[in-house]
């Protein structure tokens, strides 16, 4: 029997594949579904431990072509190292977390779906929109959750609820700021898919979600201002993107690979009756005042810190999807829409003109 403190005064007692949760509200038994983690790299190190701690899931296997990475993750989470074929052949496995390299996302997800497993897949599904569109029929009816974690962020969820409740009247425009603290290592750039598919794609999904309408036109302009090596490798590091919906709603997205002051994540929404905004999250709320002025704690420095709550909530949501108690908040169609917008951004940047979405499909 294993015991774990899960939240507040709730205690989870683990008996094999069952959990007995004891809390101030009473107790109840939850069946755990065995899941597989494919990829023990950057995102696997976020999602694997979260899955291991999520009631309703048990991380059973870790799959990674690098034996050392697979063994380290397995040892840290109580899982076993396996090949993908071995893991998918286990009838007790009900879910798969696809956190492999981007070029493997689609193939890994297809294998898992065709084995009858619920699938969580990191974004993007693939870097090639044509491949994603061609594979779409094979995902029909699948329990497939795509990793747009920002929809699970408590601050952005609160903003969405305010907008839907009409707190600022009819929504007219959005301003989304997404600035990395520092540029990635150059070796990341060639396989990343570029700024728009790797980075801006999160903002494109947020714009679709908050605007409540599909963008029909995109204009993007970009430069290489942060690191000349990024430009030499064929990418950009600073961009501004404007989206327009059929009704005329507008969204401006600001991106840079280097802020110099932390992970800047802000959204402002403007409506007929006012403005609603979700600001940055500081490490604490303490302010100090002296003759030189005011000082405050820095904002979160990088995505694992800033979005820790959203990543946990996302995997908790996947547990509900795997158990058949919820529909995926973001699915395959959302992946297609965001990737189509990212490709339109790239084309707009290259051609120096607005792109109608119909042109890009």
Protein backbone atom coordinates (compact mmCIF):
# COMPACT_ATOMS: atom_id res chain seq x y z
CA UNK A 1 0.00 0.00 0.00
CA UNK A 2 1.28 3.48 -0.94
CA UNK A 3 0.15 6.76 0.62
CA UNK A 4 0.29 10.28 -0.83
CA UNK A 5 -0.92 13.74 0.17
CA UNK A 6 -2.78 15.00 -2.92
CA UNK A 7 -4.32 18.33 -1.87
CA UNK A 8 -5.38 20.12 1.26
CA UNK A 9 -6.38 17.50 3.83
CA UNK A 10 -6.96 14.76 1.23
CA UNK A 11 -4.89 11.58 1.43
CA UNK A 12 -4.67 9.02 -1.38
CA UNK A 13 -3.99 5.38 -0.46
CA UNK A 14 -2.88 3.28 -3.48
CA UNK A 15 -3.81 -0.40 -3.71
CA UNK A 16 -2.50 -1.70 -7.05
CA UNK A 17 -4.74 -0.10 -9.64
CA UNK A 18 -7.16 1.42 -7.13
CA UNK A 19 -7.05 4.59 -5.07
CA UNK A 20 -8.91 5.23 -1.83
CA UNK A 21 -9.17 9.01 -1.36
CA UNK A 22 -9.83 10.14 2.21
CA UNK A 23 -10.68 13.80 2.81
CA UNK A 24 -12.77 16.12 4.92
CA UNK A 25 -15.62 15.53 2.48
CA UNK A 26 -15.55 11.77 2.91
CA UNK A 27 -13.86 9.03 0.98
CA UNK A 28 -14.21 7.29 -2.37
CA UNK A 29 -12.46 4.72 -4.52
CA UNK A 30 -10.98 5.69 -7.90
CA UNK A 31 -9.73 3.15 -10.43
CA UNK A 32 -6.39 3.99 -11.99
CA UNK A 33 -5.67 3.58 -15.69
CA UNK A 34 -2.16 2.55 -16.70
CA UNK A 35 -0.50 5.02 -19.07
CA UNK A 36 2.63 5.11 -21.20
CA UNK A 37 4.99 8.06 -21.55
CA UNK A 38 6.64 8.30 -24.97
CA UNK A 39 9.60 10.64 -24.68
CA UNK A 40 11.51 11.53 -21.51
CA UNK A 41 12.85 14.83 -22.81
CA UNK A 42 11.84 18.40 -22.03
CA UNK A 43 8.05 17.92 -22.11
CA UNK A 44 8.19 14.33 -20.90
CA UNK A 45 9.89 15.61 -17.77
CA UNK A 46 6.85 17.82 -17.18
CA UNK A 47 4.07 15.39 -18.06
CA UNK A 48 5.56 12.11 -16.78
CA UNK A 49 5.79 13.13 -13.10
CA UNK A 50 2.40 14.84 -13.31
CA UNK A 51 0.82 11.64 -14.65
CA UNK A 52 2.47 9.65 -11.87
CA UNK A 53 0.89 11.96 -9.28
CA UNK A 54 -2.57 12.28 -10.86
CA UNK A 55 -5.41 10.34 -9.20
CA UNK A 56 -6.95 8.06 -11.82
CA UNK A 57 -3.66 7.42 -13.64
CA UNK A 58 -0.64 5.20 -13.04
CA UNK A 59 2.49 5.76 -15.09
CA UNK A 60 3.33 2.18 -16.04
CA UNK A 61 5.88 2.45 -18.86
CA UNK A 62 8.45 4.90 -20.20
CA UNK A 63 9.48 4.68 -23.85
CA UNK A 64 12.51 6.58 -25.13
CA UNK A 65 15.26 5.63 -27.63
CA UNK A 66 17.82 6.94 -25.12
CA UNK A 67 18.18 4.21 -22.47
CA UNK A 68 19.60 6.58 -19.86
CA UNK A 69 16.75 9.07 -20.18
CA UNK A 70 14.14 6.29 -20.06
CA UNK A 71 15.71 4.69 -16.99
CA UNK A 72 16.01 8.00 -15.12
CA UNK A 73 12.34 8.80 -15.69
CA UNK A 74 11.23 5.28 -14.78
CA UNK A 75 13.24 5.32 -11.56
CA UNK A 76 11.85 8.73 -10.61
CA UNK A 77 8.21 7.74 -11.15
CA UNK A 78 8.07 4.04 -10.29
CA UNK A 79 7.45 3.05 -13.91
CA UNK A 80 9.12 0.43 -16.12
CA UNK A 81 11.20 0.91 -19.26
CA UNK A 82 9.67 -0.69 -22.35
CA UNK A 83 9.54 -0.48 -26.12
CA UNK A 84 6.48 1.14 -27.66
CA UNK A 85 5.33 -2.20 -29.09
CA UNK A 86 5.56 -3.83 -25.65
CA UNK A 87 3.70 -1.00 -23.96
CA UNK A 88 0.87 -0.83 -26.53
CA UNK A 89 0.44 -4.61 -26.41
CA UNK A 90 -0.33 -4.52 -22.67
CA UNK A 91 -4.14 -4.78 -22.32
CA UNK A 92 -4.01 -2.92 -18.99
CA UNK A 93 -2.64 0.19 -20.68
CA UNK A 94 -5.47 2.62 -21.36
CA UNK A 95 -3.64 5.84 -22.18
CA UNK A 96 -0.56 7.18 -23.91
CA UNK A 97 1.27 10.49 -23.41
CA UNK A 98 3.04 11.47 -26.64
CA UNK A 99 5.95 13.70 -25.66
CA UNK A 100 8.43 12.51 -28.27
CA UNK A 101 10.24 14.73 -30.76
CA UNK A 102 7.86 16.74 -32.95
CA UNK A 103 8.59 14.67 -36.05
CA UNK A 104 7.34 11.58 -34.19
CA UNK A 105 4.11 13.03 -32.74
CA UNK A 106 1.77 11.99 -35.54
CA UNK A 107 3.16 8.48 -35.97
CA UNK A 108 3.20 7.79 -32.23
CA UNK A 109 -0.33 9.14 -31.79
CA UNK A 110 -1.61 7.04 -34.70
CA UNK A 111 -0.10 3.88 -33.26
CA UNK A 112 -1.67 4.57 -29.88
CA UNK A 113 -5.10 5.44 -31.32
CA UNK A 114 -5.11 2.33 -33.50
CA UNK A 115 -4.24 0.26 -30.42
CA UNK A 116 -7.43 1.60 -28.81
CA UNK A 117 -5.74 3.85 -26.26
CA UNK A 118 -6.72 7.33 -25.11
CA UNK A 119 -4.02 9.75 -26.30
CA UNK A 120 -2.54 12.96 -24.98
CA UNK A 121 -0.27 14.52 -27.62
CA UNK A 122 2.04 17.48 -27.29
CA UNK A 123 1.58 20.22 -29.88
CA UNK A 124 1.90 20.42 -32.83
CA UNK A 125 0.50 17.16 -34.20
CA UNK A 126 3.02 17.52 -37.02
CA UNK A 127 4.84 20.33 -38.81
CA UNK A 128 3.23 19.46 -42.16
CA UNK A 129 -0.40 20.55 -42.47
CA UNK A 130 -0.94 18.24 -45.45
CA UNK A 131 0.06 15.18 -43.40
CA UNK A 132 -2.18 16.24 -40.53
CA UNK A 133 -5.17 16.72 -42.84
CA UNK A 134 -4.55 13.37 -44.56
CA UNK A 135 -4.46 11.53 -41.22
CA UNK A 136 -7.60 13.17 -39.82
CA UNK A 137 -10.04 10.35 -40.73
CA UNK A 138 -7.93 7.88 -38.73
CA UNK A 139 -8.57 9.92 -35.58
CA UNK A 140 -12.36 10.05 -35.88
CA UNK A 141 -13.95 8.83 -32.66
CA UNK A 142 -10.60 8.71 -30.84
CA UNK A 143 -10.13 9.98 -27.30
CA UNK A 144 -7.46 12.47 -28.32
CA UNK A 145 -6.33 15.47 -26.26
CA UNK A 146 -3.91 17.95 -27.82
CA UNK A 147 -1.46 19.75 -25.55
CA UNK A 148 -2.57 23.38 -25.69
CA UNK A 149 -2.02 23.73 -21.96
CA UNK A 150 -2.79 27.46 -21.71
CA UNK A 151 -6.51 26.78 -21.93
CA UNK A 152 -6.10 25.08 -18.53
CA UNK A 153 -4.27 28.02 -16.91
CA UNK A 154 -6.42 29.31 -14.01
CA UNK A 155 -5.75 32.98 -14.87
CA UNK A 156 -6.67 32.62 -18.53
CA UNK A 157 -9.68 30.47 -17.62
CA UNK A 158 -10.89 33.26 -15.35
CA UNK A 159 -10.44 35.74 -18.19
CA UNK A 160 -12.39 33.49 -20.56
CA UNK A 161 -15.25 33.18 -18.07
CA UNK A 162 -15.41 36.97 -17.67
CA UNK A 163 -15.54 37.46 -21.43
CA UNK A 164 -18.21 34.79 -21.89
CA UNK A 165 -20.25 36.38 -19.10
CA UNK A 166 -20.23 39.71 -20.93
CA UNK A 167 -18.18 41.55 -18.30
CA UNK A 168 -16.79 43.97 -20.90
CA UNK A 169 -19.66 43.81 -23.35
CA UNK A 170 -19.16 42.58 -26.89
CA UNK A 171 -15.52 41.61 -27.45
CA UNK A 172 -13.81 43.75 -30.08
CA UNK A 173 -10.08 43.07 -29.90
CA UNK A 174 -7.32 41.15 -28.11
CA UNK A 175 -3.67 41.82 -27.37
CA UNK A 176 -1.61 38.71 -26.58
CA UNK A 177 1.98 39.03 -25.32
CA UNK A 178 4.20 35.92 -25.37
CA UNK A 179 7.88 36.74 -24.75
CA UNK A 180 10.48 34.11 -23.87
CA UNK A 181 13.11 35.16 -21.30
CA UNK A 182 16.06 34.15 -23.51
CA UNK A 183 16.73 32.58 -26.89
CA UNK A 184 17.00 28.78 -27.12
CA UNK A 185 20.25 27.03 -27.99
CA UNK A 186 20.94 27.19 -31.74
CA UNK A 187 20.72 23.40 -32.15
CA UNK A 188 17.01 23.61 -31.26
CA UNK A 189 16.13 25.87 -34.20
CA UNK A 190 16.48 23.50 -37.22
CA UNK A 191 14.03 20.94 -35.79
CA UNK A 192 11.66 23.35 -34.06
CA UNK A 193 9.46 24.11 -37.06
CA UNK A 194 10.22 27.81 -36.76
CA UNK A 195 8.91 30.56 -34.52
CA UNK A 196 5.30 30.40 -35.74
CA UNK A 197 4.83 26.61 -35.47
CA UNK A 198 6.84 26.14 -32.30
CA UNK A 199 6.05 29.30 -30.35
CA UNK A 200 3.27 31.46 -31.79
CA UNK A 201 1.04 28.40 -32.24
CA UNK A 202 0.07 28.63 -28.55
CA UNK A 203 -1.06 32.23 -29.08
CA UNK A 204 -2.96 31.31 -32.22
CA UNK A 205 -4.90 28.70 -30.25
CA UNK A 206 -5.56 31.20 -27.45
CA UNK A 207 -6.81 33.75 -29.99
CA UNK A 208 -9.28 31.23 -31.47
CA UNK A 209 -10.50 30.30 -27.98
CA UNK A 210 -10.93 33.83 -26.67
CA UNK A 211 -12.22 35.50 -29.83
CA UNK A 212 -15.02 32.95 -30.13
CA UNK A 213 -14.73 33.16 -33.93
CA UNK A 214 -12.33 31.68 -36.43
CA UNK A 215 -9.78 34.10 -37.90
CA UNK A 216 -10.20 34.46 -41.65
CA UNK A 217 -7.18 36.65 -42.39
CA UNK A 218 -3.61 36.79 -41.07
CA UNK A 219 -0.83 39.33 -41.45
CA UNK A 220 2.57 38.61 -39.90
CA UNK A 221 5.87 40.44 -40.02
CA UNK A 222 9.06 39.29 -38.34
CA UNK A 223 12.76 39.99 -37.90
CA UNK A 224 15.86 38.44 -36.41
CA UNK A 225 16.84 40.88 -33.65
CA UNK A 226 17.85 38.64 -30.75
CA UNK A 227 20.48 36.22 -32.08
CA UNK A 228 22.04 36.40 -35.57
CA UNK A 229 22.60 32.63 -35.44
CA UNK A 230 18.83 32.10 -35.45
CA UNK A 231 18.66 34.07 -38.68
CA UNK A 232 21.56 32.16 -40.19
CA UNK A 233 19.65 28.94 -39.47
CA UNK A 234 16.66 30.28 -41.41
CA UNK A 235 14.34 31.38 -38.62
CA UNK A 236 13.19 34.63 -36.99
CA UNK A 237 13.04 35.55 -33.32
CA UNK A 238 10.77 38.61 -33.12
CA UNK A 239 7.30 38.85 -34.66
CA UNK A 240 4.02 40.74 -34.71
CA UNK A 241 0.89 39.06 -36.01
CA UNK A 242 -2.58 40.47 -36.67
CA UNK A 243 -5.63 38.19 -36.96
CA UNK A 244 -9.04 39.29 -38.22
CA UNK A 245 -12.32 37.37 -37.94
CA UNK A 246 -15.24 37.53 -40.38
CA UNK A 247 -17.10 39.96 -38.08
CA UNK A 248 -14.02 42.22 -37.87
CA UNK A 249 -12.71 41.28 -34.42
CA UNK A 250 -8.95 41.80 -34.22
CA UNK A 251 -6.10 40.17 -32.32
CA UNK A 252 -2.51 41.40 -32.16
CA UNK A 253 0.14 38.90 -31.03
CA UNK A 254 3.56 40.05 -29.80
CA UNK A 255 6.38 37.47 -29.78
CA UNK A 256 10.09 37.57 -29.01
CA UNK A 257 12.67 34.96 -28.08
CA UNK A 258 14.21 37.34 -25.48
CA UNK A 259 12.50 39.58 -22.98
CA UNK A 260 15.42 40.15 -20.62
CA UNK A 261 13.09 40.24 -17.60
CA UNK A 262 11.33 36.86 -17.42
CA UNK A 263 8.57 34.91 -19.13
CA UNK A 264 6.14 37.65 -20.15
CA UNK A 265 2.63 36.20 -20.53
CA UNK A 266 -0.17 38.77 -20.71
CA UNK A 267 -3.53 39.06 -22.40
CA UNK A 268 -5.69 42.17 -22.72
CA UNK A 269 -9.25 41.99 -24.05
CA UNK A 270 -11.11 45.13 -25.15
CA UNK A 271 -14.89 45.25 -25.43
CA UNK A 272 -17.75 47.66 -25.92
CA UNK A 273 -18.00 48.26 -22.16
CA UNK A 274 -14.38 48.13 -21.02
CA UNK A 275 -11.26 46.01 -20.76
CA UNK A 276 -10.32 42.74 -19.02
CA UNK A 277 -6.72 41.68 -18.57
CA UNK A 278 -4.75 38.69 -17.27
CA UNK A 279 -1.31 39.84 -16.12
CA UNK A 280 1.98 38.19 -15.31
CA UNK A 281 2.35 35.91 -12.30
CA UNK A 282 5.00 36.99 -9.81
CA UNK A 283 6.82 34.62 -7.51
CA UNK A 284 5.26 36.42 -4.55
CA UNK A 285 3.19 39.55 -3.94
CA UNK A 286 5.61 41.35 -1.62
CA UNK A 287 6.62 44.91 -2.53
CA UNK A 288 9.33 46.98 -0.84
CA UNK A 289 9.42 50.76 -0.88
CA UNK A 290 12.36 53.02 -0.11
CA UNK A 291 13.78 56.34 -1.27
CA UNK A 292 14.85 54.76 -4.58
CA UNK A 293 11.31 53.64 -5.33
CA UNK A 294 9.44 50.35 -5.28
CA UNK A 295 10.74 46.84 -5.87
CA UNK A 296 8.81 43.61 -6.31
CA UNK A 297 9.43 39.94 -6.92
CA UNK A 298 10.31 38.93 -10.49
CA UNK A 299 7.79 37.24 -12.74
CA UNK A 300 8.13 33.54 -13.51
CA UNK A 301 11.29 32.98 -15.52
CA UNK A 302 10.31 30.10 -17.83
CA UNK A 303 7.35 28.02 -18.96
CA UNK A 304 7.63 25.10 -16.46
CA UNK A 305 7.31 27.57 -13.58
CA UNK A 306 4.69 29.87 -15.11
CA UNK A 307 2.42 27.10 -16.34
CA UNK A 308 2.95 24.48 -13.62
CA UNK A 309 -0.71 24.68 -12.57
CA UNK A 310 -1.98 24.42 -16.13
CA UNK A 311 0.18 21.37 -16.86
CA UNK A 312 -1.16 19.61 -13.77
CA UNK A 313 -4.75 20.52 -14.68
CA UNK A 314 -4.23 19.36 -18.24
CA UNK A 315 -3.12 15.88 -17.17
CA UNK A 316 -5.97 15.73 -14.64
CA UNK A 317 -8.30 16.50 -17.56
CA UNK A 318 -6.63 13.75 -19.59
CA UNK A 319 -7.40 11.34 -16.75
CA UNK A 320 -11.08 12.26 -17.09
CA UNK A 321 -10.88 11.77 -20.87
CA UNK A 322 -9.16 8.39 -20.47
CA UNK A 323 -11.85 7.25 -18.03
CA UNK A 324 -14.57 8.35 -20.46
CA UNK A 325 -15.93 11.02 -18.13
CA UNK A 326 -15.04 14.07 -20.27
CA UNK A 327 -14.63 15.13 -23.86
CA UNK A 328 -11.20 16.52 -24.80
CA UNK A 329 -11.01 20.30 -24.29
CA UNK A 330 -8.71 20.54 -27.32
CA UNK A 331 -8.80 17.93 -30.04
CA UNK A 332 -7.48 17.08 -33.48
CA UNK A 333 -9.53 19.81 -35.18
CA UNK A 334 -7.97 22.43 -32.90
CA UNK A 335 -4.55 21.18 -33.95
CA UNK A 336 -5.47 21.56 -37.62
CA UNK A 337 -6.81 25.09 -37.10
CA UNK A 338 -3.77 26.32 -35.17
CA UNK A 339 -1.32 24.74 -37.62
CA UNK A 340 -3.17 26.28 -40.57
CA UNK A 341 -2.85 29.69 -38.91
CA UNK A 342 0.86 29.12 -38.23
CA UNK A 343 1.45 28.23 -41.88
CA UNK A 344 -0.51 31.32 -42.94
CA UNK A 345 1.76 33.40 -40.68
CA UNK A 346 4.85 31.96 -42.34
CA UNK A 347 3.45 32.66 -45.80
CA UNK A 348 2.41 36.19 -44.85
CA UNK A 349 5.92 36.89 -43.54
CA UNK A 350 7.53 35.55 -46.72
CA UNK A 351 5.19 37.35 -49.13
CA UNK A 352 4.74 40.56 -47.15
CA UNK A 353 0.94 40.60 -47.44
CA UNK A 354 -2.20 39.49 -45.58
CA UNK A 355 -3.20 35.85 -46.19
CA UNK A 356 -6.80 34.70 -46.39
CA UNK A 357 -7.16 31.33 -44.68
CA UNK A 358 -8.89 29.85 -47.74
CA UNK A 359 -5.69 30.47 -49.69
CA UNK A 360 -3.69 28.36 -47.30
CA UNK A 361 -5.81 25.20 -47.24
